[in-house]
N, C-alpha and C. Protein backbone atom coordinates (compact mmCIF):
# COMPACT_ATOMS: atom_id res chain seq x y z
N UNK A 1 121.00 387.11 -22.07
CA UNK A 1 121.00 385.82 -22.73
C UNK A 1 119.67 385.12 -22.47
N UNK A 2 119.17 384.43 -23.47
CA UNK A 2 117.88 383.79 -23.32
C UNK A 2 117.99 382.50 -22.52
N UNK A 3 116.85 382.10 -21.97
CA UNK A 3 116.75 380.85 -21.22
C UNK A 3 116.00 379.86 -22.09
N UNK A 4 116.61 378.70 -22.32
CA UNK A 4 116.00 377.65 -23.13
C UNK A 4 116.09 376.35 -22.36
N UNK A 5 114.94 375.69 -22.17
CA UNK A 5 114.98 374.40 -21.50
C UNK A 5 113.79 373.55 -21.87
N UNK A 6 113.96 372.27 -21.62
CA UNK A 6 112.92 371.27 -21.77
C UNK A 6 113.02 370.39 -20.53
N UNK A 7 111.91 370.13 -19.88
CA UNK A 7 111.94 369.33 -18.66
C UNK A 7 110.61 368.63 -18.46
N UNK A 8 110.61 367.67 -17.53
CA UNK A 8 109.39 366.99 -17.13
C UNK A 8 109.20 367.28 -15.64
N UNK A 9 107.97 367.62 -15.27
CA UNK A 9 107.65 367.90 -13.87
C UNK A 9 106.61 366.87 -13.43
N UNK A 10 106.80 366.30 -12.24
CA UNK A 10 105.83 365.39 -11.68
C UNK A 10 105.85 365.43 -10.18
N UNK A 11 104.78 364.97 -9.57
CA UNK A 11 104.68 364.91 -8.11
C UNK A 11 105.03 363.48 -7.70
N UNK A 12 106.23 363.30 -7.21
CA UNK A 12 106.70 361.98 -6.81
C UNK A 12 107.98 362.15 -6.00
N UNK A 13 108.30 361.16 -5.17
CA UNK A 13 109.56 361.23 -4.43
C UNK A 13 110.75 361.11 -5.38
N UNK A 14 111.78 361.91 -5.12
CA UNK A 14 112.96 361.92 -5.99
C UNK A 14 113.57 360.52 -6.11
N UNK A 15 113.67 359.80 -5.01
CA UNK A 15 114.30 358.48 -5.05
C UNK A 15 113.53 357.52 -5.96
N UNK A 16 112.21 357.59 -5.94
CA UNK A 16 111.40 356.73 -6.80
C UNK A 16 111.58 357.10 -8.27
N UNK A 17 111.69 358.38 -8.55
CA UNK A 17 111.89 358.84 -9.93
C UNK A 17 113.25 358.38 -10.44
N UNK A 18 114.28 358.54 -9.64
CA UNK A 18 115.63 358.12 -10.05
C UNK A 18 115.64 356.61 -10.30
N UNK A 19 115.03 355.84 -9.43
CA UNK A 19 114.96 354.38 -9.61
C UNK A 19 114.26 354.04 -10.91
N UNK A 20 113.15 354.70 -11.18
CA UNK A 20 112.40 354.43 -12.42
C UNK A 20 113.20 354.82 -13.65
N UNK A 21 113.91 355.93 -13.61
CA UNK A 21 114.73 356.34 -14.75
C UNK A 21 115.81 355.30 -15.06
N UNK A 22 116.43 354.75 -14.02
CA UNK A 22 117.47 353.74 -14.22
C UNK A 22 116.88 352.42 -14.70
N UNK A 23 115.64 352.15 -14.35
CA UNK A 23 115.00 350.90 -14.74
C UNK A 23 114.57 350.90 -16.20
N UNK A 24 114.42 352.07 -16.79
CA UNK A 24 113.94 352.16 -18.16
C UNK A 24 115.11 352.24 -19.12
N UNK A 25 115.70 351.12 -19.41
CA UNK A 25 116.76 351.01 -20.42
C UNK A 25 117.89 352.01 -20.26
N UNK A 26 118.26 352.34 -19.05
CA UNK A 26 119.38 353.25 -18.84
C UNK A 26 119.11 354.64 -19.38
N UNK A 27 117.86 355.05 -19.41
CA UNK A 27 117.47 356.35 -19.96
C UNK A 27 118.26 357.50 -19.34
N UNK A 28 118.52 357.42 -18.05
CA UNK A 28 119.21 358.52 -17.36
C UNK A 28 120.64 358.69 -17.87
N UNK A 29 121.34 357.59 -18.11
CA UNK A 29 122.72 357.70 -18.58
C UNK A 29 122.80 358.14 -20.03
N UNK A 30 121.83 357.72 -20.83
CA UNK A 30 121.85 358.01 -22.26
C UNK A 30 121.75 359.50 -22.57
N UNK A 31 121.03 360.23 -21.77
CA UNK A 31 120.79 361.64 -22.06
C UNK A 31 121.25 362.60 -20.97
N UNK A 32 122.11 362.18 -20.10
CA UNK A 32 122.63 363.04 -19.03
C UNK A 32 121.51 363.74 -18.28
N UNK A 33 120.58 362.95 -17.79
CA UNK A 33 119.43 363.46 -17.06
C UNK A 33 119.84 363.92 -15.67
N UNK A 34 119.24 365.02 -15.24
CA UNK A 34 119.40 365.53 -13.89
C UNK A 34 118.02 365.55 -13.23
N UNK A 35 117.99 365.29 -11.95
CA UNK A 35 116.73 365.27 -11.21
C UNK A 35 116.85 366.20 -10.01
N UNK A 36 115.92 367.14 -9.90
CA UNK A 36 115.93 368.11 -8.80
C UNK A 36 114.56 368.15 -8.14
N UNK A 37 114.54 368.41 -6.85
CA UNK A 37 113.28 368.60 -6.11
C UNK A 37 113.01 370.10 -6.08
N UNK A 38 111.75 370.45 -6.31
CA UNK A 38 111.36 371.85 -6.27
C UNK A 38 110.04 371.97 -5.51
N UNK A 39 109.92 372.99 -4.71
CA UNK A 39 108.71 373.23 -3.90
C UNK A 39 108.32 372.01 -3.06
N UNK A 40 109.30 371.32 -2.55
CA UNK A 40 109.16 370.20 -1.60
C UNK A 40 108.51 368.93 -2.13
N UNK A 41 107.52 369.01 -3.00
CA UNK A 41 106.83 367.79 -3.40
C UNK A 41 106.84 367.52 -4.90
N UNK A 42 107.53 368.34 -5.66
CA UNK A 42 107.58 368.13 -7.11
C UNK A 42 109.01 367.85 -7.54
N UNK A 43 109.14 367.01 -8.55
CA UNK A 43 110.44 366.66 -9.09
C UNK A 43 110.53 367.18 -10.51
N UNK A 44 111.67 367.76 -10.83
CA UNK A 44 111.92 368.26 -12.17
C UNK A 44 113.04 367.43 -12.78
N UNK A 45 112.79 366.85 -13.94
CA UNK A 45 113.80 366.08 -14.65
C UNK A 45 114.17 366.88 -15.89
N UNK A 46 115.42 367.19 -16.04
CA UNK A 46 115.85 367.97 -17.20
C UNK A 46 117.11 367.35 -17.78
N UNK A 47 117.45 367.77 -18.98
CA UNK A 47 118.59 367.21 -19.69
C UNK A 47 119.12 368.23 -20.68
N UNK A 48 120.35 368.04 -21.08
CA UNK A 48 120.92 368.87 -22.14
C UNK A 48 120.47 368.29 -23.47
N UNK A 49 120.10 369.17 -24.38
CA UNK A 49 119.81 368.69 -25.72
C UNK A 49 120.70 369.44 -26.70
N UNK A 50 121.05 368.75 -27.77
CA UNK A 50 122.10 369.24 -28.66
C UNK A 50 121.74 370.53 -29.40
N UNK A 51 120.56 370.60 -29.93
CA UNK A 51 120.15 371.78 -30.68
C UNK A 51 119.22 372.57 -29.79
N UNK A 52 119.76 373.51 -29.06
CA UNK A 52 119.03 374.19 -27.99
C UNK A 52 117.72 374.83 -28.45
N UNK A 53 117.55 375.07 -29.69
CA UNK A 53 116.31 375.69 -30.14
C UNK A 53 115.40 374.69 -30.87
N UNK A 54 115.75 373.43 -30.84
CA UNK A 54 114.92 372.41 -31.47
C UNK A 54 114.59 371.34 -30.44
N UNK A 55 113.31 371.26 -30.09
CA UNK A 55 112.88 370.25 -29.14
C UNK A 55 112.57 368.97 -29.92
N UNK A 56 113.06 367.84 -29.42
CA UNK A 56 112.86 366.57 -30.12
C UNK A 56 111.79 365.71 -29.47
N UNK A 57 111.82 364.41 -29.82
CA UNK A 57 110.84 363.44 -29.33
C UNK A 57 111.13 362.96 -27.92
N UNK A 58 112.34 363.17 -27.46
CA UNK A 58 112.76 362.62 -26.18
C UNK A 58 111.85 363.03 -25.03
N UNK A 59 111.44 364.27 -24.97
CA UNK A 59 110.58 364.76 -23.90
C UNK A 59 109.25 364.04 -23.85
N UNK A 60 108.64 363.81 -25.03
CA UNK A 60 107.37 363.09 -25.07
C UNK A 60 107.54 361.65 -24.59
N UNK A 61 108.61 361.00 -25.05
CA UNK A 61 108.86 359.61 -24.65
C UNK A 61 109.04 359.50 -23.15
N UNK A 62 109.86 360.37 -22.59
CA UNK A 62 110.14 360.34 -21.17
C UNK A 62 108.88 360.66 -20.35
N UNK A 63 108.12 361.64 -20.79
CA UNK A 63 106.88 362.01 -20.09
C UNK A 63 105.88 360.86 -20.09
N UNK A 64 105.74 360.20 -21.23
CA UNK A 64 104.82 359.06 -21.32
C UNK A 64 105.24 357.94 -20.38
N UNK A 65 106.52 357.61 -20.38
CA UNK A 65 107.03 356.54 -19.51
C UNK A 65 106.81 356.88 -18.04
N UNK A 66 107.17 358.09 -17.64
CA UNK A 66 107.04 358.48 -16.25
C UNK A 66 105.58 358.58 -15.81
N UNK A 67 104.71 359.02 -16.70
CA UNK A 67 103.29 359.12 -16.33
C UNK A 67 102.66 357.73 -16.20
N UNK A 68 103.16 356.75 -16.93
CA UNK A 68 102.67 355.37 -16.75
C UNK A 68 102.99 354.88 -15.34
N UNK A 69 104.13 355.27 -14.83
CA UNK A 69 104.54 354.80 -13.51
C UNK A 69 103.99 355.68 -12.38
N UNK A 70 103.95 356.99 -12.57
CA UNK A 70 103.56 357.91 -11.50
C UNK A 70 102.18 358.54 -11.70
N UNK A 71 101.50 358.21 -12.78
CA UNK A 71 100.15 358.71 -13.03
C UNK A 71 100.07 359.93 -13.90
N UNK A 72 100.82 360.97 -13.56
CA UNK A 72 100.75 362.22 -14.31
C UNK A 72 102.15 362.83 -14.43
N UNK A 73 102.40 363.45 -15.57
CA UNK A 73 103.65 364.17 -15.81
C UNK A 73 103.36 365.30 -16.78
N UNK A 74 104.10 366.39 -16.62
CA UNK A 74 103.94 367.53 -17.54
C UNK A 74 105.28 367.81 -18.20
N UNK A 75 105.28 367.80 -19.51
CA UNK A 75 106.44 368.18 -20.30
C UNK A 75 106.39 369.69 -20.50
N UNK A 76 107.49 370.37 -20.18
CA UNK A 76 107.57 371.83 -20.32
C UNK A 76 108.65 372.16 -21.32
N UNK A 77 108.32 373.06 -22.24
CA UNK A 77 109.29 373.56 -23.21
C UNK A 77 109.23 375.09 -23.18
N UNK A 78 110.42 375.69 -23.07
CA UNK A 78 110.46 377.14 -22.89
C UNK A 78 111.68 377.72 -23.60
N UNK A 79 111.48 378.82 -24.31
CA UNK A 79 112.56 379.55 -24.94
C UNK A 79 112.24 381.04 -24.83
N UNK A 80 112.92 381.73 -23.92
CA UNK A 80 112.63 383.15 -23.70
C UNK A 80 113.06 384.01 -24.88
N UNK A 81 114.02 383.53 -25.66
CA UNK A 81 114.51 384.30 -26.81
C UNK A 81 113.48 384.44 -27.92
N UNK A 82 112.64 383.42 -28.08
CA UNK A 82 111.61 383.46 -29.12
C UNK A 82 110.21 383.55 -28.53
N UNK A 83 110.14 383.69 -27.22
CA UNK A 83 108.86 383.74 -26.50
C UNK A 83 108.04 382.47 -26.71
N UNK A 84 108.73 381.34 -26.86
CA UNK A 84 108.05 380.05 -27.03
C UNK A 84 107.78 379.44 -25.66
N UNK A 85 106.52 379.10 -25.43
CA UNK A 85 106.11 378.44 -24.20
C UNK A 85 105.11 377.37 -24.58
N UNK A 86 105.33 376.16 -24.06
CA UNK A 86 104.39 375.07 -24.31
C UNK A 86 104.49 374.06 -23.18
N UNK A 87 103.39 373.37 -22.95
CA UNK A 87 103.40 372.27 -21.98
C UNK A 87 102.42 371.20 -22.45
N UNK A 88 102.71 369.98 -22.02
CA UNK A 88 101.88 368.84 -22.41
C UNK A 88 101.64 367.98 -21.18
N UNK A 89 100.38 367.69 -20.89
CA UNK A 89 100.02 366.84 -19.78
C UNK A 89 99.89 365.40 -20.26
N UNK A 90 100.60 364.50 -19.58
CA UNK A 90 100.50 363.07 -19.85
C UNK A 90 99.86 362.41 -18.63
N UNK A 91 98.89 361.53 -18.88
CA UNK A 91 98.25 360.76 -17.82
C UNK A 91 98.31 359.29 -18.21
N UNK A 92 98.87 358.48 -17.32
CA UNK A 92 98.96 357.03 -17.53
C UNK A 92 99.52 356.66 -18.91
N UNK A 93 100.54 357.39 -19.33
CA UNK A 93 101.24 357.08 -20.57
C UNK A 93 100.70 357.73 -21.82
N UNK A 94 99.60 358.43 -21.70
CA UNK A 94 98.97 359.04 -22.87
C UNK A 94 98.95 360.56 -22.76
N UNK A 95 99.14 361.22 -23.91
CA UNK A 95 99.04 362.67 -23.94
C UNK A 95 97.57 363.05 -23.82
N UNK A 96 97.25 363.82 -22.78
CA UNK A 96 95.86 364.21 -22.52
C UNK A 96 95.54 365.61 -23.01
N UNK A 97 96.42 366.56 -22.73
CA UNK A 97 96.19 367.95 -23.10
C UNK A 97 97.51 368.60 -23.46
N UNK A 98 97.45 369.57 -24.37
CA UNK A 98 98.64 370.38 -24.64
C UNK A 98 98.24 371.85 -24.61
N UNK A 99 99.19 372.68 -24.23
CA UNK A 99 98.93 374.11 -24.08
C UNK A 99 99.98 374.88 -24.86
N UNK A 100 99.50 375.86 -25.66
CA UNK A 100 100.37 376.67 -26.51
C UNK A 100 99.92 378.13 -26.44
N UNK A 101 100.50 378.96 -27.28
CA UNK A 101 100.18 380.39 -27.30
C UNK A 101 98.68 380.63 -27.41
N UNK A 102 97.98 379.88 -28.23
CA UNK A 102 96.54 380.09 -28.42
C UNK A 102 95.73 379.88 -27.15
N UNK A 103 96.29 379.17 -26.18
CA UNK A 103 95.58 378.88 -24.93
C UNK A 103 95.88 379.88 -23.83
N UNK A 104 96.88 380.72 -24.03
CA UNK A 104 97.31 381.64 -22.99
C UNK A 104 96.24 382.70 -22.70
N UNK A 105 96.20 383.15 -21.45
CA UNK A 105 95.21 384.14 -21.01
C UNK A 105 95.91 385.48 -20.80
N UNK A 106 95.30 386.53 -21.34
CA UNK A 106 95.88 387.87 -21.34
C UNK A 106 94.89 388.89 -20.78
N UNK A 107 95.42 389.97 -20.22
CA UNK A 107 94.59 391.10 -19.77
C UNK A 107 95.18 392.38 -20.37
N UNK A 108 94.32 393.36 -20.49
CA UNK A 108 94.76 394.68 -20.98
C UNK A 108 95.61 395.36 -19.93
N UNK A 109 96.49 396.24 -20.37
CA UNK A 109 97.26 397.08 -19.47
C UNK A 109 96.55 398.42 -19.33
N UNK A 110 96.59 398.99 -18.13
CA UNK A 110 95.98 400.30 -17.93
C UNK A 110 96.92 401.39 -18.44
N UNK A 111 96.56 402.63 -18.24
CA UNK A 111 97.34 403.77 -18.74
C UNK A 111 98.74 403.83 -18.15
N UNK A 112 98.93 403.21 -16.98
CA UNK A 112 100.24 403.22 -16.33
C UNK A 112 101.03 401.94 -16.59
N UNK A 113 100.52 401.09 -17.48
CA UNK A 113 101.24 399.88 -17.86
C UNK A 113 101.06 398.71 -16.91
N UNK A 114 100.05 398.77 -16.06
CA UNK A 114 99.79 397.68 -15.11
C UNK A 114 98.66 396.80 -15.64
N UNK A 115 98.74 395.49 -15.40
CA UNK A 115 97.65 394.59 -15.82
C UNK A 115 96.33 394.99 -15.17
N UNK A 116 95.26 395.00 -15.96
CA UNK A 116 93.95 395.41 -15.47
C UNK A 116 92.91 394.33 -15.78
N UNK A 117 92.80 393.31 -14.91
CA UNK A 117 91.86 392.21 -15.15
C UNK A 117 90.38 392.63 -15.13
N UNK A 118 90.09 393.83 -14.63
CA UNK A 118 88.69 394.28 -14.58
C UNK A 118 88.10 394.48 -15.98
N UNK A 119 88.97 394.58 -16.99
CA UNK A 119 88.50 394.77 -18.36
C UNK A 119 88.32 393.45 -19.11
N UNK A 120 88.52 392.34 -18.41
CA UNK A 120 88.30 391.03 -19.03
C UNK A 120 89.59 390.27 -19.24
N UNK A 121 89.44 389.00 -19.52
CA UNK A 121 90.55 388.11 -19.83
C UNK A 121 90.38 387.66 -21.28
N UNK A 122 91.48 387.66 -22.03
CA UNK A 122 91.42 387.42 -23.47
C UNK A 122 92.35 386.29 -23.89
N UNK A 123 91.93 385.55 -24.90
CA UNK A 123 92.83 384.62 -25.59
C UNK A 123 93.48 385.40 -26.72
N UNK A 124 94.54 384.86 -27.30
CA UNK A 124 95.29 385.63 -28.32
C UNK A 124 94.40 386.02 -29.50
N UNK A 125 93.50 385.16 -29.92
CA UNK A 125 92.67 385.50 -31.08
C UNK A 125 91.61 386.55 -30.76
N UNK A 126 91.43 386.88 -29.48
CA UNK A 126 90.46 387.89 -29.07
C UNK A 126 91.09 389.27 -28.85
N UNK A 127 92.40 389.33 -28.88
CA UNK A 127 93.08 390.59 -28.60
C UNK A 127 92.90 391.57 -29.76
N UNK A 128 92.78 392.85 -29.41
CA UNK A 128 92.57 393.91 -30.39
C UNK A 128 93.92 394.52 -30.74
N UNK A 129 94.17 394.63 -32.03
CA UNK A 129 95.42 395.22 -32.51
C UNK A 129 95.52 396.67 -32.01
N UNK A 130 96.73 397.04 -31.57
CA UNK A 130 96.97 398.39 -31.10
C UNK A 130 96.80 398.56 -29.60
N UNK A 131 96.27 397.57 -28.94
CA UNK A 131 96.13 397.64 -27.48
C UNK A 131 97.25 396.82 -26.85
N UNK A 132 97.60 397.18 -25.61
CA UNK A 132 98.68 396.48 -24.92
C UNK A 132 98.12 395.49 -23.91
N UNK A 133 98.73 394.29 -23.91
CA UNK A 133 98.27 393.21 -23.04
C UNK A 133 99.46 392.60 -22.30
N UNK A 134 99.13 391.88 -21.24
CA UNK A 134 100.14 391.09 -20.54
C UNK A 134 99.51 389.73 -20.23
N UNK A 135 100.32 388.71 -20.35
CA UNK A 135 99.81 387.37 -20.05
C UNK A 135 99.66 387.18 -18.54
N UNK A 136 98.55 386.57 -18.15
CA UNK A 136 98.35 386.26 -16.74
C UNK A 136 98.43 384.75 -16.49
N UNK A 137 98.26 383.96 -17.54
CA UNK A 137 98.48 382.51 -17.47
C UNK A 137 99.07 382.08 -18.81
N UNK A 138 100.35 381.72 -18.78
CA UNK A 138 100.98 381.30 -20.02
C UNK A 138 100.83 379.79 -20.21
N UNK A 139 101.28 379.29 -21.34
CA UNK A 139 101.12 377.88 -21.69
C UNK A 139 101.81 376.95 -20.69
N UNK A 140 102.93 377.36 -20.15
CA UNK A 140 103.62 376.55 -19.14
C UNK A 140 102.79 376.51 -17.86
N UNK A 141 102.31 377.65 -17.43
CA UNK A 141 101.49 377.71 -16.22
C UNK A 141 100.25 376.84 -16.34
N UNK A 142 99.63 376.84 -17.49
CA UNK A 142 98.41 376.05 -17.69
C UNK A 142 98.68 374.56 -17.51
N UNK A 143 99.79 374.08 -18.05
CA UNK A 143 100.14 372.67 -17.88
C UNK A 143 100.49 372.33 -16.45
N UNK A 144 101.27 373.19 -15.82
CA UNK A 144 101.67 372.95 -14.43
C UNK A 144 100.46 373.00 -13.49
N UNK A 145 99.50 373.84 -13.81
CA UNK A 145 98.28 373.94 -13.02
C UNK A 145 97.52 372.61 -13.03
N UNK A 146 97.53 371.93 -14.15
CA UNK A 146 96.89 370.62 -14.26
C UNK A 146 97.53 369.60 -13.32
N UNK A 147 98.80 369.81 -13.03
CA UNK A 147 99.54 368.92 -12.15
C UNK A 147 99.41 369.33 -10.68
N UNK A 148 98.90 370.53 -10.43
CA UNK A 148 98.81 371.04 -9.07
C UNK A 148 100.04 371.82 -8.64
N UNK A 149 100.90 372.15 -9.59
CA UNK A 149 102.11 372.92 -9.35
C UNK A 149 101.79 374.37 -9.67
N UNK A 150 101.64 375.19 -8.64
CA UNK A 150 101.15 376.53 -8.86
C UNK A 150 102.17 377.63 -9.10
N UNK A 151 103.44 377.38 -8.86
CA UNK A 151 104.42 378.45 -8.89
C UNK A 151 105.42 378.25 -10.04
N UNK A 152 105.03 378.65 -11.22
CA UNK A 152 105.89 378.41 -12.38
C UNK A 152 107.16 379.24 -12.33
N UNK A 153 107.13 380.38 -11.65
CA UNK A 153 108.32 381.23 -11.56
C UNK A 153 109.46 380.53 -10.82
N UNK A 154 109.14 379.68 -9.86
CA UNK A 154 110.21 378.93 -9.16
C UNK A 154 110.87 377.95 -10.12
N UNK A 155 110.11 377.37 -11.03
CA UNK A 155 110.70 376.49 -12.05
C UNK A 155 111.59 377.31 -12.98
N UNK A 156 111.12 378.44 -13.43
CA UNK A 156 111.91 379.30 -14.30
C UNK A 156 113.20 379.74 -13.62
N UNK A 157 113.11 380.13 -12.36
CA UNK A 157 114.29 380.55 -11.62
C UNK A 157 115.29 379.41 -11.49
N UNK A 158 114.80 378.22 -11.16
CA UNK A 158 115.68 377.06 -11.03
C UNK A 158 116.39 376.76 -12.36
N UNK A 159 115.65 376.74 -13.43
CA UNK A 159 116.24 376.41 -14.73
C UNK A 159 117.21 377.49 -15.20
N UNK A 160 116.92 378.73 -14.86
CA UNK A 160 117.79 379.84 -15.25
C UNK A 160 119.15 379.78 -14.54
N UNK A 161 119.20 379.17 -13.36
CA UNK A 161 120.44 379.11 -12.58
C UNK A 161 121.24 377.83 -12.78
N UNK A 162 120.81 376.98 -13.68
CA UNK A 162 121.54 375.72 -13.91
C UNK A 162 122.66 375.91 -14.91
């Protein structure tokens, strides 16, 4: 079964995030928001959305609000079934950068199917048809890296077990 989620990641104390969510027009109650701590210093805010394969405006709104209060927030959208990965960095309420498939970094696979970075790092438009590649930095990782969150697999694992 595929994993589909949308969440906001930020570096802030959980109690401060929960207080801010309740202060913003009852945002937490309106969308059944959950708040979890991951890797000791990062908070992940996630919610159920009705059309699991359609991401709406809510993530952008929430990310903008939280980044105004905490400085920086990253909106993460992921769907393993369609290989969709995206992230958006918000700073002080404004969208600063977004990362999508075109931004992902790839390396060639060697004859045994292992990533071989010695042959270079490629963006999707640089890849040669007929050759095999593996991503070494996906769109989610690129956004989380901007926040200083280096372990995207722990986020994926957490979201997969919810």
